[in-house]
C-alpha atoms as a PDB file:
ATOM      1  CA  MET A   1      68.048  13.277   9.702  1.00  0.00           C
ATOM      2  CA  ASN A   2      68.261  11.018  12.864  1.00  0.00           C
ATOM      3  CA  ALA A   3      68.656  13.432  16.153  1.00  0.00           C
ATOM      4  CA  ILE A   4      70.555  12.717  19.036  1.00  0.00           C
ATOM      5  CA  CYS A   5      69.043  14.845  22.173  1.00  0.00           C
ATOM      6  CA  PHE A   6      70.535  16.156  25.380  1.00  0.00           C
ATOM      7  CA  SER A   7      69.399  18.587  28.130  1.00  0.00           C
ATOM      8  CA  PHE A   8      70.709  21.436  28.841  1.00  0.00           C
ATOM      9  CA  TRP A   9      70.647  23.980  31.950  1.00  0.00           C
ATOM     10  CA  ALA A  10      70.064  27.730  31.912  1.00  0.00           C
ATOM     11  CA  GLY A  11      73.270  29.374  31.469  1.00  0.00           C
ATOM     12  CA  ALA A  12      74.777  26.245  29.369  1.00  0.00           C
ATOM     13  CA  THR A  13      76.594  26.882  25.858  1.00  0.00           C
ATOM     14  CA  ALA A  14      76.457  25.263  22.787  1.00  0.00           C
ATOM     15  CA  GLY A  15      77.831  25.545  19.280  1.00  0.00           C
ATOM     16  CA  TYR A  16      81.173  27.298  18.193  1.00  0.00           C
ATOM     17  CA  ASN A  17      82.712  29.399  20.996  1.00  0.00           C
ATOM     18  CA  GLY A  18      79.548  28.555  22.963  1.00  0.00           C
ATOM     19  CA  ARG A  19      77.764  31.342  20.794  1.00  0.00           C
ATOM     20  CA  TRP A  20      74.343  30.317  21.804  1.00  0.00           C
ATOM     21  CA  THR A  21      73.281  30.333  25.866  1.00  0.00           C
ATOM     22  CA  ALA A  22      70.560  28.861  26.947  1.00  0.00           C
ATOM     23  CA  ALA A  23      68.176  31.188  28.797  1.00  0.00           C
ATOM     24  CA  ALA A  24      66.001  28.198  30.598  1.00  0.00           C
ATOM     25  CA  PRO A  25      66.404  24.463  30.855  1.00  0.00           C
ATOM     26  CA  SER A  26      66.352  23.297  27.335  1.00  0.00           C
ATOM     27  CA  ARG A  27      66.276  19.980  25.406  1.00  0.00           C
ATOM     28  CA  LEU A  28      68.886  20.141  22.429  1.00  0.00           C
ATOM     29  CA  ALA A  29      69.392  18.052  19.414  1.00  0.00           C
ATOM     30  CA  THR A  30      72.563  17.432  17.530  1.00  0.00           C
ATOM     31  CA  LEU A  31      72.253  16.391  13.576  1.00  0.00           C
ATOM     32  CA  SER A  32      74.968  15.148  11.792  1.00  0.00           C
ATOM     33  CA  LEU A  33      74.895  17.478   9.029  1.00  0.00           C
ATOM     34  CA  GLY A  34      76.717  20.846   8.463  1.00  0.00           C
ATOM     35  CA  TYR A  35      78.376  22.973   5.542  1.00  0.00           C
ATOM     36  CA  ALA A  36      80.343  20.175   4.437  1.00  0.00           C
ATOM     37  CA  ASP A  37      77.470  18.288   3.383  1.00  0.00           C
ATOM     38  CA  GLY A  38      76.592  21.570   1.403  1.00  0.00           C
ATOM     39  CA  PHE A  39      73.776  22.754   4.230  1.00  0.00           C
ATOM     40  CA  PRO A  40      74.344  26.491   4.233  1.00  0.00           C
ATOM     41  CA  ARG A  41      76.151  28.187   7.277  1.00  0.00           C
ATOM     42  CA  ALA A  42      74.359  31.542   6.439  1.00  0.00           C
ATOM     43  CA  ILE A  43      70.929  29.666   7.929  1.00  0.00           C
ATOM     44  CA  SER A  44      72.848  29.612  11.358  1.00  0.00           C
ATOM     45  CA  GLY A  45      70.573  31.045  14.215  1.00  0.00           C
ATOM     46  CA  ARG A  46      67.760  32.139  11.551  1.00  0.00           C
ATOM     47  CA  GLY A  47      66.269  28.702  10.221  1.00  0.00           C
ATOM     48  CA  HIS A  48      64.589  25.507  11.685  1.00  0.00           C
ATOM     49  CA  ALA A  49      63.918  22.058  11.224  1.00  0.00           C
ATOM     50  CA  LEU A  50      60.820  19.885  11.609  1.00  0.00           C
ATOM     51  CA  VAL A  51      60.778  17.459  14.402  1.00  0.00           C
ATOM     52  CA  GLY A  52      57.184  15.532  14.761  1.00  0.00           C
ATOM     53  CA  GLY A  53      55.769  18.487  12.677  1.00  0.00           C
ATOM     54  CA  VAL A  54      57.238  20.931  15.310  1.00  0.00           C
ATOM     55  CA  PRO A  55      59.238  23.900  13.974  1.00  0.00           C
ATOM     56  CA  CYS A  56      62.567  23.563  16.144  1.00  0.00           C
ATOM     57  CA  PRO A  57      65.320  26.433  15.989  1.00  0.00           C
ATOM     58  CA  ILE A  58      68.815  25.914  14.758  1.00  0.00           C
ATOM     59  CA  LEU A  59      71.020  27.341  17.556  1.00  0.00           C
ATOM     60  CA  GLY A  60      74.292  28.875  16.990  1.00  0.00           C
ATOM     61  CA  LEU A  61      76.275  28.251  14.001  1.00  0.00           C
ATOM     62  CA  VAL A  62      76.129  25.397  11.351  1.00  0.00           C
ATOM     63  CA  SER A  63      79.402  23.592  11.633  1.00  0.00           C
ATOM     64  CA  MET A  64      81.264  21.382   9.316  1.00  0.00           C
ATOM     65  CA  ASP A  65      79.403  18.124  10.280  1.00  0.00           C
ATOM     66  CA  LEU A  66      77.002  19.244  12.923  1.00  0.00           C
ATOM     67  CA  ILE A  67      73.923  21.517  13.572  1.00  0.00           C
ATOM     68  CA  ILE A  68      72.042  21.846  16.902  1.00  0.00           C
ATOM     69  CA  LEU A  69      68.453  22.110  17.099  1.00  0.00           C
ATOM     70  CA  ASP A  70      66.310  23.448  20.319  1.00  0.00           C
ATOM     71  CA  VAL A  71      63.769  20.467  20.442  1.00  0.00           C
ATOM     72  CA  THR A  72      62.424  21.609  24.007  1.00  0.00           C
ATOM     73  CA  ALA A  73      58.465  22.079  22.255  1.00  0.00           C
ATOM     74  CA  ALA A  74      58.876  19.003  20.492  1.00  0.00           C
ATOM     75  CA  PRO A  75      57.495  15.800  22.306  1.00  0.00           C
ATOM     76  CA  ALA A  76      58.315  13.511  19.297  1.00  0.00           C
ATOM     77  CA  ALA A  77      62.386  14.541  19.792  1.00  0.00           C
ATOM     78  CA  ARG A  78      64.318  11.439  21.155  1.00  0.00           C
ATOM     79  CA  ARG A  79      67.362   9.698  20.142  1.00  0.00           C
ATOM     80  CA  GLY A  80      66.836   8.585  16.280  1.00  0.00           C
ATOM     81  CA  ALA A  81      63.966  10.906  15.724  1.00  0.00           C
ATOM     82  CA  GLU A  82      63.977  12.373  12.504  1.00  0.00           C
ATOM     83  CA  ALA A  83      64.332  15.959  11.589  1.00  0.00           C
ATOM     84  CA  VAL A  84      63.059  17.406   8.398  1.00  0.00           C
ATOM     85  CA  LEU A  85      65.373  20.119   7.209  1.00  0.00           C
ATOM     86  CA  ILE A  86      63.796  20.310   3.435  1.00  0.00           C
ATOM     87  CA  GLY A  87      60.207  18.706   3.114  1.00  0.00           C
ATOM     88  CA  ASP A  88      56.997  18.710   4.797  1.00  0.00           C
ATOM     89  CA  SER A  89      55.825  21.866   4.994  1.00  0.00           C
ATOM     90  CA  LEU A  90      59.263  23.127   5.044  1.00  0.00           C
ATOM     91  CA  ASP A  91      59.619  23.944   1.375  1.00  0.00           C
ATOM     92  CA  ILE A  92      62.825  24.547  -0.352  1.00  0.00           C
ATOM     93  CA  ASP A  93      61.971  28.403  -0.894  1.00  0.00           C
ATOM     94  CA  ALA A  94      61.671  28.797   2.708  1.00  0.00           C
ATOM     95  CA  VAL A  95      65.116  27.159   3.625  1.00  0.00           C
ATOM     96  CA  GLY A  96      66.547  29.479   0.857  1.00  0.00           C
ATOM     97  CA  ARG A  97      64.784  32.526   2.272  1.00  0.00           C
ATOM     98  CA  ALA A  98      66.265  31.763   5.783  1.00  0.00           C
ATOM     99  CA  ALA A  99      69.622  31.484   4.763  1.00  0.00           C
ATOM    100  CA  GLY A 100      69.382  34.880   2.683  1.00  0.00           C
ATOM    101  CA  THR A 101      69.587  32.880  -0.988  1.00  0.00           C
ATOM    102  CA  ILE A 102      66.855  31.272  -3.385  1.00  0.00           C
ATOM    103  CA  GLY A 103      65.902  27.386  -3.084  1.00  0.00           C
ATOM    104  CA  TYR A 104      67.281  26.620  -6.103  1.00  0.00           C
ATOM    105  CA  GLU A 105      71.113  27.636  -4.468  1.00  0.00           C
ATOM    106  CA  ILE A 106      70.375  25.463  -1.477  1.00  0.00           C
ATOM    107  CA  LEU A 107      69.335  22.490  -3.772  1.00  0.00           C
ATOM    108  CA  THR A 108      72.522  22.904  -6.226  1.00  0.00           C
ATOM    109  CA  GLY A 109      74.857  22.890  -2.972  1.00  0.00           C
ATOM    110  CA  LEU A 110      73.989  19.823  -1.522  1.00  0.00           C
ATOM    111  CA  GLY A 111      76.733  17.270  -1.405  1.00  0.00           C
ATOM    112  CA  SER A 112      76.818  13.896  -1.889  1.00  0.00           C
ATOM    113  CA  ARG A 113      76.149  12.392   1.657  1.00  0.00           C
ATOM    114  CA  TYR A 114      72.275  13.039   1.321  1.00  0.00           C
ATOM    115  CA  VAL A 115      70.230  10.396   0.302  1.00  0.00           C
ATOM    116  CA  ARG A 116      67.749  11.545  -2.063  1.00  0.00           C
ATOM    117  CA  THR A 117      64.459  10.140  -2.657  1.00  0.00           C
ATOM    118  CA  TYR A 118      62.482  11.365  -6.034  1.00  0.00           C
ATOM    119  CA  VAL A 119      58.869  11.339  -6.072  1.00  0.00           C
ATOM    120  CA  GLY A 120      56.719  11.669  -8.835  1.00  0.00           C
END
């Protein structure tokens, strides 16, 4: 997924009903995927993505078409940077555990808007 980055100040809120509040100045990224794509709402506030290999927590609630990441610790984060939600060192079973389920359920729930690359 490609990220769109923006800055937040301490006390600013993000997500549905401002469910997340910045404790300190932060850099956030919005990704264009959500539960309409089959990405689980249950991973809200529990999972993470990799940006430049750096784990970046998912903030607030996964919405229908968007998720928000805290990319403050990821120097590679910029507009158009790649965010990995499944793959590299973030395997499907880890994603499943973060969502309170198993990897198979995550894979079978993914919608048709994802690009799939089969290796091997």
